[in-house]
Amino acid sequence: MIRPPALSHLRFLGLMMAGAYVLINLILAALSPLTAGWPVWATTLCAVPPMVVGMVHVVLPLARARTAPRAR
């Protein structure tokens, strides 16, 4: 039998999705003046490295800290 996900897992998923959305849009907004007229693959090539660094070092730690079980 499959167990439904715990509320903390759903909260973690929501925070990760929101954080990724904000991060990707900020990176694309910052790159848009520099990459105007470039093909999509070239813009994506420039956006992926800062996106990965931001996800690993900012979004993931913040989401984990917000959803970690608290000591009582």
PDB file of N, CA and C in Angstrom:
ATOM      1  N   MET A   1       0.840  -1.186   0.000  1.00  0.00           N
ATOM      2  CA  MET A   1       0.000   0.000   0.000  1.00  0.00           C
ATOM      3  C   MET A   1       0.886   1.249   0.000  1.00  0.00           C
ATOM      4  N   ILE A   2       0.536   2.211  -0.813  1.00  0.00           N
ATOM      5  CA  ILE A   2       1.313   3.440  -0.926  1.00  0.00           C
ATOM      6  C   ILE A   2       0.852   4.415   0.146  1.00  0.00           C
ATOM      7  N   ARG A   3       1.820   4.949   0.868  1.00  0.00           N
ATOM      8  CA  ARG A   3       1.538   5.902   1.935  1.00  0.00           C
ATOM      9  C   ARG A   3       1.472   7.309   1.361  1.00  0.00           C
ATOM     10  N   PRO A   4       0.467   8.101   1.739  1.00  0.00           N
ATOM     11  CA  PRO A   4       0.409   9.478   1.242  1.00  0.00           C
ATOM     12  C   PRO A   4       1.567  10.300   1.822  1.00  0.00           C
ATOM     13  N   PRO A   5       2.043  11.279   1.060  1.00  0.00           N
ATOM     14  CA  PRO A   5       3.170  12.081   1.547  1.00  0.00           C
ATOM     15  C   PRO A   5       2.773  12.882   2.780  1.00  0.00           C
ATOM     16  N   ALA A   6       3.726  13.024   3.662  1.00  0.00           N
ATOM     17  CA  ALA A   6       3.496  13.799   4.882  1.00  0.00           C
ATOM     18  C   ALA A   6       3.382  15.277   4.527  1.00  0.00           C
ATOM     19  N   LEU A   7       2.765  16.024   5.398  1.00  0.00           N
ATOM     20  CA  LEU A   7       2.588  17.455   5.167  1.00  0.00           C
ATOM     21  C   LEU A   7       3.925  18.162   4.989  1.00  0.00           C
ATOM     22  N   SER A   8       4.946  17.725   5.723  1.00  0.00           N
ATOM     23  CA  SER A   8       6.257  18.371   5.586  1.00  0.00           C
ATOM     24  C   SER A   8       6.845  18.155   4.194  1.00  0.00           C
ATOM     25  N   HIS A   9       6.587  16.995   3.591  1.00  0.00           N
ATOM     26  CA  HIS A   9       7.082  16.754   2.236  1.00  0.00           C
ATOM     27  C   HIS A   9       6.378  17.660   1.231  1.00  0.00           C
ATOM     28  N   LEU A  10       5.091  17.839   1.413  1.00  0.00           N
ATOM     29  CA  LEU A  10       4.349  18.726   0.509  1.00  0.00           C
ATOM     30  C   LEU A  10       4.799  20.180   0.686  1.00  0.00           C
ATOM     31  N   ARG A  11       5.055  20.578   1.924  1.00  0.00           N
ATOM     32  CA  ARG A  11       5.536  21.930   2.176  1.00  0.00           C
ATOM     33  C   ARG A  11       6.924  22.124   1.557  1.00  0.00           C
ATOM     34  N   PHE A  12       7.804  21.113   1.687  1.00  0.00           N
ATOM     35  CA  PHE A  12       9.133  21.167   1.088  1.00  0.00           C
ATOM     36  C   PHE A  12       9.021  21.288  -0.433  1.00  0.00           C
ATOM     37  N   LEU A  13       8.155  20.487  -1.029  1.00  0.00           N
ATOM     38  CA  LEU A  13       7.948  20.542  -2.478  1.00  0.00           C
ATOM     39  C   LEU A  13       7.464  21.922  -2.904  1.00  0.00           C
ATOM     40  N   GLY A  14       6.513  22.483  -2.181  1.00  0.00           N
ATOM     41  CA  GLY A  14       5.998  23.809  -2.510  1.00  0.00           C
ATOM     42  C   GLY A  14       7.061  24.887  -2.406  1.00  0.00           C
ATOM     43  N   LEU A  15       7.871  24.828  -1.352  1.00  0.00           N
ATOM     44  CA  LEU A  15       8.943  25.815  -1.190  1.00  0.00           C
ATOM     45  C   LEU A  15       9.998  25.680  -2.283  1.00  0.00           C
ATOM     46  N   MET A  16      10.324  24.449  -2.658  1.00  0.00           N
ATOM     47  CA  MET A  16      11.305  24.244  -3.723  1.00  0.00           C
ATOM     48  C   MET A  16      10.778  24.772  -5.061  1.00  0.00           C
ATOM     49  N   MET A  17       9.515  24.512  -5.338  1.00  0.00           N
ATOM     50  CA  MET A  17       8.931  24.991  -6.594  1.00  0.00           C
ATOM     51  C   MET A  17       8.878  26.520  -6.631  1.00  0.00           C
ATOM     52  N   ALA A  18       8.449  27.125  -5.534  1.00  0.00           N
ATOM     53  CA  ALA A  18       8.385  28.587  -5.481  1.00  0.00           C
ATOM     54  C   ALA A  18       9.780  29.198  -5.578  1.00  0.00           C
ATOM     55  N   GLY A  19      10.727  28.622  -4.862  1.00  0.00           N
ATOM     56  CA  GLY A  19      12.105  29.131  -4.903  1.00  0.00           C
ATOM     57  C   GLY A  19      12.725  29.001  -6.275  1.00  0.00           C
ATOM     58  N   ALA A  20      12.499  27.865  -6.937  1.00  0.00           N
ATOM     59  CA  ALA A  20      13.038  27.666  -8.283  1.00  0.00           C
ATOM     60  C   ALA A  20      12.414  28.648  -9.266  1.00  0.00           C
ATOM     61  N   TYR A  21      11.108  28.866  -9.136  1.00  0.00           N
ATOM     62  CA  TYR A  21      10.407  29.803 -10.024  1.00  0.00           C
ATOM     63  C   TYR A  21      10.978  31.217  -9.895  1.00  0.00           C
ATOM     64  N   VAL A  22      11.127  31.672  -8.668  1.00  0.00           N
ATOM     65  CA  VAL A  22      11.656  33.019  -8.428  1.00  0.00           C
ATOM     66  C   VAL A  22      13.095  33.122  -8.916  1.00  0.00           C
ATOM     67  N   LEU A  23      13.916  32.138  -8.577  1.00  0.00           N
ATOM     68  CA  LEU A  23      15.324  32.165  -8.971  1.00  0.00           C
ATOM     69  C   LEU A  23      15.489  32.179 -10.483  1.00  0.00           C
ATOM     70  N   ILE A  24      14.766  31.322 -11.178  1.00  0.00           N
ATOM     71  CA  ILE A  24      14.890  31.251 -12.636  1.00  0.00           C
ATOM     72  C   ILE A  24      14.442  32.560 -13.284  1.00  0.00           C
ATOM     73  N   ASN A  25      13.351  33.128 -12.798  1.00  0.00           N
ATOM     74  CA  ASN A  25      12.886  34.391 -13.375  1.00  0.00           C
ATOM     75  C   ASN A  25      13.855  35.535 -13.105  1.00  0.00           C
ATOM     76  N   LEU A  26      14.458  35.577 -11.914  1.00  0.00           N
ATOM     77  CA  LEU A  26      15.457  36.610 -11.630  1.00  0.00           C
ATOM     78  C   LEU A  26      16.677  36.467 -12.541  1.00  0.00           C
ATOM     79  N   ILE A  27      17.133  35.249 -12.740  1.00  0.00           N
ATOM     80  CA  ILE A  27      18.293  35.027 -13.608  1.00  0.00           C
ATOM     81  C   ILE A  27      17.966  35.408 -15.054  1.00  0.00           C
ATOM     82  N   LEU A  28      16.817  34.998 -15.538  1.00  0.00           N
ATOM     83  CA  LEU A  28      16.439  35.338 -16.919  1.00  0.00           C
ATOM     84  C   LEU A  28      16.244  36.843 -17.091  1.00  0.00           C
ATOM     85  N   ALA A  29      15.696  37.508 -16.075  1.00  0.00           N
ATOM     86  CA  ALA A  29      15.540  38.969 -16.156  1.00  0.00           C
ATOM     87  C   ALA A  29      16.897  39.660 -16.179  1.00  0.00           C
ATOM     88  N   ALA A  30      17.839  39.147 -15.406  1.00  0.00           N
ATOM     89  CA  ALA A  30      19.181  39.744 -15.393  1.00  0.00           C
ATOM     90  C   ALA A  30      19.911  39.499 -16.710  1.00  0.00           C
ATOM     91  N   LEU A  31      19.667  38.360 -17.323  1.00  0.00           N
ATOM     92  CA  LEU A  31      20.363  38.023 -18.571  1.00  0.00           C
ATOM     93  C   LEU A  31      19.700  38.609 -19.815  1.00  0.00           C
ATOM     94  N   SER A  32      18.437  38.976 -19.723  1.00  0.00           N
ATOM     95  CA  SER A  32      17.719  39.399 -20.927  1.00  0.00           C
ATOM     96  C   SER A  32      18.348  40.586 -21.657  1.00  0.00           C
ATOM     97  N   PRO A  33      18.866  41.607 -20.956  1.00  0.00           N
ATOM     98  CA  PRO A  33      19.510  42.685 -21.729  1.00  0.00           C
ATOM     99  C   PRO A  33      20.796  42.234 -22.437  1.00  0.00           C
ATOM    100  N   LEU A  34      21.479  41.263 -21.844  1.00  0.00           N
ATOM    101  CA  LEU A  34      22.736  40.796 -22.423  1.00  0.00           C
ATOM    102  C   LEU A  34      22.530  39.801 -23.558  1.00  0.00           C
ATOM    103  N   THR A  35      21.405  39.080 -23.517  1.00  0.00           N
ATOM    104  CA  THR A  35      21.198  38.005 -24.480  1.00  0.00           C
ATOM    105  C   THR A  35      20.048  38.299 -25.448  1.00  0.00           C
ATOM    106  N   ALA A  36      19.695  39.548 -25.603  1.00  0.00           N
ATOM    107  CA  ALA A  36      18.612  39.913 -26.530  1.00  0.00           C
ATOM    108  C   ALA A  36      18.991  39.494 -27.950  1.00  0.00           C
ATOM    109  N   GLY A  37      18.101  38.789 -28.594  1.00  0.00           N
ATOM    110  CA  GLY A  37      18.347  38.344 -29.958  1.00  0.00           C
ATOM    111  C   GLY A  37      19.080  37.023 -30.056  1.00  0.00           C
ATOM    112  N   TRP A  38      19.519  36.475 -28.948  1.00  0.00           N
ATOM    113  CA  TRP A  38      20.200  35.182 -28.968  1.00  0.00           C
ATOM    114  C   TRP A  38      19.176  34.069 -29.125  1.00  0.00           C
ATOM    115  N   PRO A  39      19.588  32.930 -29.661  1.00  0.00           N
ATOM    116  CA  PRO A  39      18.668  31.783 -29.694  1.00  0.00           C
ATOM    117  C   PRO A  39      18.404  31.269 -28.271  1.00  0.00           C
ATOM    118  N   VAL A  40      17.298  30.566 -28.118  1.00  0.00           N
ATOM    119  CA  VAL A  40      16.896  30.081 -26.792  1.00  0.00           C
ATOM    120  C   VAL A  40      17.969  29.185 -26.179  1.00  0.00           C
ATOM    121  N   TRP A  41      18.591  28.327 -26.974  1.00  0.00           N
ATOM    122  CA  TRP A  41      19.583  27.414 -26.422  1.00  0.00           C
ATOM    123  C   TRP A  41      20.775  28.170 -25.841  1.00  0.00           C
ATOM    124  N   ALA A  42      21.150  29.297 -26.447  1.00  0.00           N
ATOM    125  CA  ALA A  42      22.296  30.065 -25.954  1.00  0.00           C
ATOM    126  C   ALA A  42      21.946  30.790 -24.651  1.00  0.00           C
ATOM    127  N   THR A  43      20.741  31.310 -24.569  1.00  0.00           N
ATOM    128  CA  THR A  43      20.298  31.949 -23.330  1.00  0.00           C
ATOM    129  C   THR A  43      20.226  30.929 -22.206  1.00  0.00           C
ATOM    130  N   THR A  44      19.701  29.760 -22.513  1.00  0.00           N
ATOM    131  CA  THR A  44      19.617  28.691 -21.514  1.00  0.00           C
ATOM    132  C   THR A  44      21.005  28.253 -21.070  1.00  0.00           C
ATOM    133  N   LEU A  45      21.932  28.203 -22.005  1.00  0.00           N
ATOM    134  CA  LEU A  45      23.307  27.830 -21.684  1.00  0.00           C
ATOM    135  C   LEU A  45      23.918  28.801 -20.668  1.00  0.00           C
ATOM    136  N   CYS A  46      23.579  30.064 -20.777  1.00  0.00           N
ATOM    137  CA  CYS A  46      24.082  31.066 -19.825  1.00  0.00           C
ATOM    138  C   CYS A  46      23.328  31.028 -18.495  1.00  0.00           C
ATOM    139  N   ALA A  47      22.076  30.611 -18.509  1.00  0.00           N
ATOM    140  CA  ALA A  47      21.248  30.644 -17.299  1.00  0.00           C
ATOM    141  C   ALA A  47      21.428  29.423 -16.408  1.00  0.00           C
ATOM    142  N   VAL A  48      21.813  28.300 -16.964  1.00  0.00           N
ATOM    143  CA  VAL A  48      21.870  27.064 -16.180  1.00  0.00           C
ATOM    144  C   VAL A  48      22.925  27.093 -15.067  1.00  0.00           C
ATOM    145  N   PRO A  49      24.166  27.503 -15.296  1.00  0.00           N
ATOM    146  CA  PRO A  49      25.137  27.476 -14.195  1.00  0.00           C
ATOM    147  C   PRO A  49      24.723  28.302 -12.969  1.00  0.00           C
ATOM    148  N   PRO A  50      24.286  29.568 -13.120  1.00  0.00           N
ATOM    149  CA  PRO A  50      23.861  30.272 -11.910  1.00  0.00           C
ATOM    150  C   PRO A  50      22.594  29.678 -11.291  1.00  0.00           C
ATOM    151  N   MET A  51      21.747  29.076 -12.110  1.00  0.00           N
ATOM    152  CA  MET A  51      20.541  28.450 -11.577  1.00  0.00           C
ATOM    153  C   MET A  51      20.906  27.254 -10.701  1.00  0.00           C
ATOM    154  N   VAL A  52      21.817  26.426 -11.146  1.00  0.00           N
ATOM    155  CA  VAL A  52      22.225  25.256 -10.361  1.00  0.00           C
ATOM    156  C   VAL A  52      22.891  25.700  -9.060  1.00  0.00           C
ATOM    157  N   VAL A  53      23.769  26.666  -9.130  1.00  0.00           N
ATOM    158  CA  VAL A  53      24.428  27.161  -7.921  1.00  0.00           C
ATOM    159  C   VAL A  53      23.403  27.746  -6.957  1.00  0.00           C
ATOM    160  N   GLY A  54      22.473  28.513  -7.463  1.00  0.00           N
ATOM    161  CA  GLY A  54      21.443  29.101  -6.616  1.00  0.00           C
ATOM    162  C   GLY A  54      20.531  28.063  -5.989  1.00  0.00           C
ATOM    163  N   MET A  55      20.191  27.031  -6.738  1.00  0.00           N
ATOM    164  CA  MET A  55      19.342  25.970  -6.188  1.00  0.00           C
ATOM    165  C   MET A  55      20.069  25.207  -5.093  1.00  0.00           C
ATOM    166  N   VAL A  56      21.330  24.871  -5.339  1.00  0.00           N
ATOM    167  CA  VAL A  56      22.086  24.057  -4.386  1.00  0.00           C
ATOM    168  C   VAL A  56      22.448  24.841  -3.130  1.00  0.00           C
ATOM    169  N   HIS A  57      22.825  26.117  -3.293  1.00  0.00           N
ATOM    170  CA  HIS A  57      23.351  26.869  -2.151  1.00  0.00           C
ATOM    171  C   HIS A  57      22.363  27.837  -1.510  1.00  0.00           C
ATOM    172  N   VAL A  58      21.229  28.100  -2.159  1.00  0.00           N
ATOM    173  CA  VAL A  58      20.261  29.047  -1.588  1.00  0.00           C
ATOM    174  C   VAL A  58      18.902  28.390  -1.374  1.00  0.00           C
ATOM    175  N   VAL A  59      18.281  27.949  -2.449  1.00  0.00           N
ATOM    176  CA  VAL A  59      16.899  27.471  -2.371  1.00  0.00           C
ATOM    177  C   VAL A  59      16.791  26.189  -1.547  1.00  0.00           C
ATOM    178  N   LEU A  60      17.615  25.202  -1.819  1.00  0.00           N
ATOM    179  CA  LEU A  60      17.535  23.934  -1.100  1.00  0.00           C
ATOM    180  C   LEU A  60      17.806  24.100   0.398  1.00  0.00           C
ATOM    181  N   PRO A  61      18.864  24.790   0.810  1.00  0.00           N
ATOM    182  CA  PRO A  61      19.065  24.966   2.261  1.00  0.00           C
ATOM    183  C   PRO A  61      17.936  25.738   2.945  1.00  0.00           C
ATOM    184  N   LEU A  62      17.394  26.757   2.267  1.00  0.00           N
ATOM    185  CA  LEU A  62      16.283  27.497   2.869  1.00  0.00           C
ATOM    186  C   LEU A  62      15.038  26.621   3.002  1.00  0.00           C
ATOM    187  N   ALA A  63      14.752  25.832   1.983  1.00  0.00           N
ATOM    188  CA  ALA A  63      13.588  24.955   2.045  1.00  0.00           C
ATOM    189  C   ALA A  63      13.764  23.890   3.120  1.00  0.00           C
ATOM    190  N   ARG A  64      14.956  23.353   3.240  1.00  0.00           N
ATOM    191  CA  ARG A  64      15.204  22.350   4.292  1.00  0.00           C
ATOM    192  C   ARG A  64      15.079  22.960   5.675  1.00  0.00           C
ATOM    193  N   ALA A  65      15.598  24.158   5.845  1.00  0.00           N
ATOM    194  CA  ALA A  65      15.524  24.800   7.166  1.00  0.00           C
ATOM    195  C   ALA A  65      14.079  25.110   7.538  1.00  0.00           C
ATOM    196  N   ARG A  66      13.262  25.477   6.567  1.00  0.00           N
ATOM    197  CA  ARG A  66      11.857  25.819   6.843  1.00  0.00           C
ATOM    198  C   ARG A  66      11.000  24.592   7.115  1.00  0.00           C
ATOM    199  N   THR A  67      11.402  23.423   6.599  1.00  0.00           N
ATOM    200  CA  THR A  67      10.575  22.235   6.763  1.00  0.00           C
ATOM    201  C   THR A  67      11.178  21.214   7.717  1.00  0.00           C
ATOM    202  N   ALA A  68      12.305  21.532   8.345  1.00  0.00           N
ATOM    203  CA  ALA A  68      12.928  20.597   9.274  1.00  0.00           C
ATOM    204  C   ALA A  68      12.056  20.411  10.505  1.00  0.00           C
ATOM    205  N   PRO A  69      12.029  19.191  11.031  1.00  0.00           N
ATOM    206  CA  PRO A  69      11.245  18.992  12.267  1.00  0.00           C
ATOM    207  C   PRO A  69      11.847  19.810  13.397  1.00  0.00           C
ATOM    208  N   ARG A  70      10.991  20.420  14.150  1.00  0.00           N
ATOM    209  CA  ARG A  70      11.452  21.285  15.238  1.00  0.00           C
ATOM    210  C   ARG A  70      11.490  20.507  16.546  1.00  0.00           C
ATOM    211  N   ALA A  71      12.509  20.773  17.361  1.00  0.00           N
ATOM    212  CA  ALA A  71      12.617  20.135  18.668  1.00  0.00           C
ATOM    213  C   ALA A  71      11.549  20.712  19.598  1.00  0.00           C
ATOM    214  N   ARG A  72      10.981  19.844  20.388  1.00  0.00           N
ATOM    215  CA  ARG A  72       9.916  20.302  21.298  1.00  0.00           C
ATOM    216  C   ARG A  72      10.367  20.352  22.700  1.00  0.00           C
TER     217      ARG A  72
END
